[in-house]
N, C-alpha and C. Protein backbone atom coordinates (compact mmCIF):
# COMPACT_ATOMS: atom_id res chain seq x y z
N UNK A 1 36.60 -123.28 159.80
CA UNK A 1 36.82 -124.72 159.33
C UNK A 1 38.29 -124.71 158.97
N UNK A 2 38.91 -125.76 159.08
CA UNK A 2 40.31 -125.97 158.59
C UNK A 2 40.59 -125.69 157.16
N UNK A 3 41.65 -124.93 156.71
CA UNK A 3 41.85 -124.50 155.43
C UNK A 3 41.86 -125.66 154.42
N UNK A 4 42.71 -126.83 154.94
CA UNK A 4 42.62 -127.94 154.00
C UNK A 4 41.13 -128.46 153.83
N UNK A 5 40.40 -128.64 154.64
CA UNK A 5 38.98 -128.98 154.35
C UNK A 5 38.20 -128.22 153.51
N UNK A 6 38.43 -126.79 153.79
CA UNK A 6 37.81 -126.02 152.97
C UNK A 6 38.06 -126.08 151.45
N UNK A 7 39.53 -126.19 151.30
CA UNK A 7 39.89 -126.46 149.82
C UNK A 7 39.29 -127.67 149.30
N UNK A 8 39.26 -128.74 150.02
CA UNK A 8 38.73 -130.00 149.53
C UNK A 8 37.19 -129.92 149.20
N UNK A 9 36.57 -129.23 150.19
CA UNK A 9 35.09 -128.96 149.72
C UNK A 9 34.71 -128.09 148.63
N UNK A 10 35.70 -127.20 148.36
CA UNK A 10 35.67 -126.25 147.17
C UNK A 10 36.00 -127.14 145.97
N UNK A 11 36.87 -128.06 146.09
CA UNK A 11 37.22 -128.89 144.88
C UNK A 11 35.93 -129.98 144.61
N UNK A 12 35.39 -130.24 145.55
CA UNK A 12 34.22 -131.27 145.38
C UNK A 12 32.92 -130.51 144.66
N UNK A 13 32.82 -129.18 145.11
CA UNK A 13 31.83 -128.49 144.59
C UNK A 13 31.89 -128.14 143.20
N UNK A 14 33.22 -127.84 142.63
CA UNK A 14 33.57 -127.69 141.27
C UNK A 14 33.45 -128.97 140.57
N UNK A 15 33.94 -129.93 140.98
CA UNK A 15 33.95 -131.30 140.36
C UNK A 15 32.42 -131.95 140.13
N UNK A 16 31.57 -131.75 141.28
CA UNK A 16 30.49 -132.47 141.47
C UNK A 16 29.23 -131.41 141.72
N UNK A 17 29.25 -130.43 140.80
CA UNK A 17 28.38 -129.24 141.08
C UNK A 17 26.99 -129.87 140.77
N UNK A 18 26.91 -130.87 139.98
CA UNK A 18 25.66 -131.52 139.61
C UNK A 18 25.05 -132.60 140.69
N UNK A 19 25.78 -132.62 141.81
CA UNK A 19 25.48 -133.63 142.71
C UNK A 19 25.22 -132.95 144.07
N UNK A 20 24.17 -132.06 144.47
CA UNK A 20 24.11 -131.37 145.61
C UNK A 20 23.84 -132.21 146.99
N UNK A 21 23.35 -133.49 146.88
CA UNK A 21 23.31 -134.39 147.92
C UNK A 21 24.63 -134.74 148.17
N UNK A 22 25.60 -135.08 147.40
CA UNK A 22 26.82 -135.62 147.64
C UNK A 22 27.69 -134.39 148.22
N UNK A 23 27.55 -133.33 147.70
CA UNK A 23 28.26 -132.01 148.32
C UNK A 23 27.86 -131.96 149.67
N UNK A 24 26.54 -131.88 149.98
CA UNK A 24 26.07 -131.96 151.52
C UNK A 24 26.60 -132.91 152.33
N UNK A 25 26.71 -134.11 151.76
CA UNK A 25 27.31 -135.20 152.55
C UNK A 25 28.72 -134.90 152.88
N UNK A 26 29.58 -134.49 151.92
CA UNK A 26 30.81 -134.30 152.04
C UNK A 26 31.02 -133.26 153.17
N UNK A 27 30.29 -132.14 153.07
CA UNK A 27 30.29 -131.17 153.99
C UNK A 27 30.11 -131.55 155.45
N UNK A 28 28.88 -132.52 155.61
CA UNK A 28 28.63 -133.11 156.96
C UNK A 28 29.82 -133.99 157.46
N UNK A 29 30.44 -134.62 156.61
CA UNK A 29 31.27 -135.77 157.07
C UNK A 29 32.57 -134.92 157.56
N UNK A 30 33.00 -134.03 156.77
CA UNK A 30 34.19 -133.20 157.28
C UNK A 30 33.76 -132.47 158.54
N UNK A 31 32.68 -131.76 158.63
CA UNK A 31 32.30 -131.16 159.94
C UNK A 31 32.48 -132.06 160.98
N UNK A 32 31.78 -133.18 160.86
CA UNK A 32 31.76 -134.14 161.90
C UNK A 32 33.15 -134.66 162.24
N UNK A 33 34.08 -134.96 161.45
CA UNK A 33 35.31 -135.24 161.80
C UNK A 33 36.07 -134.04 162.37
N UNK A 34 35.97 -132.88 161.91
CA UNK A 34 36.62 -131.59 162.66
C UNK A 34 36.11 -131.46 163.95
N UNK A 35 34.77 -131.68 164.26
CA UNK A 35 34.42 -131.63 165.72
C UNK A 35 35.00 -132.64 166.42
N UNK A 36 35.05 -133.94 166.07
CA UNK A 36 35.46 -134.98 166.80
C UNK A 36 37.05 -134.87 167.12
N UNK A 37 37.89 -134.29 166.17
CA UNK A 37 39.25 -134.09 166.34
C UNK A 37 39.49 -132.96 167.47
N UNK A 38 38.65 -132.12 167.41
CA UNK A 38 38.67 -130.89 168.52
C UNK A 38 38.45 -131.50 169.91
N UNK A 39 37.34 -132.32 169.84
CA UNK A 39 36.99 -133.12 171.13
C UNK A 39 38.10 -134.00 171.61
N UNK A 40 38.55 -134.67 170.77
CA UNK A 40 39.89 -135.62 171.12
C UNK A 40 40.98 -134.93 171.61
N UNK A 41 41.34 -133.78 171.01
CA UNK A 41 42.51 -133.05 171.31
C UNK A 41 42.38 -132.47 172.87
N UNK A 42 41.18 -132.37 173.21
CA UNK A 42 41.05 -131.75 174.74
C UNK A 42 41.16 -132.87 175.74
N UNK A 43 40.93 -134.25 175.42
CA UNK A 43 41.34 -135.24 176.24
C UNK A 43 42.69 -135.54 176.65
């Protein structure tokens, strides 16, 4: 995963440790964005 995305996810985990569903959502959204950006760069 992109280093910037990893940093953001780590910050979210620290800030919102009491919100596991939110953390999961953040991880899924960033993962989806990263996949789409890789796909778009191939076109």
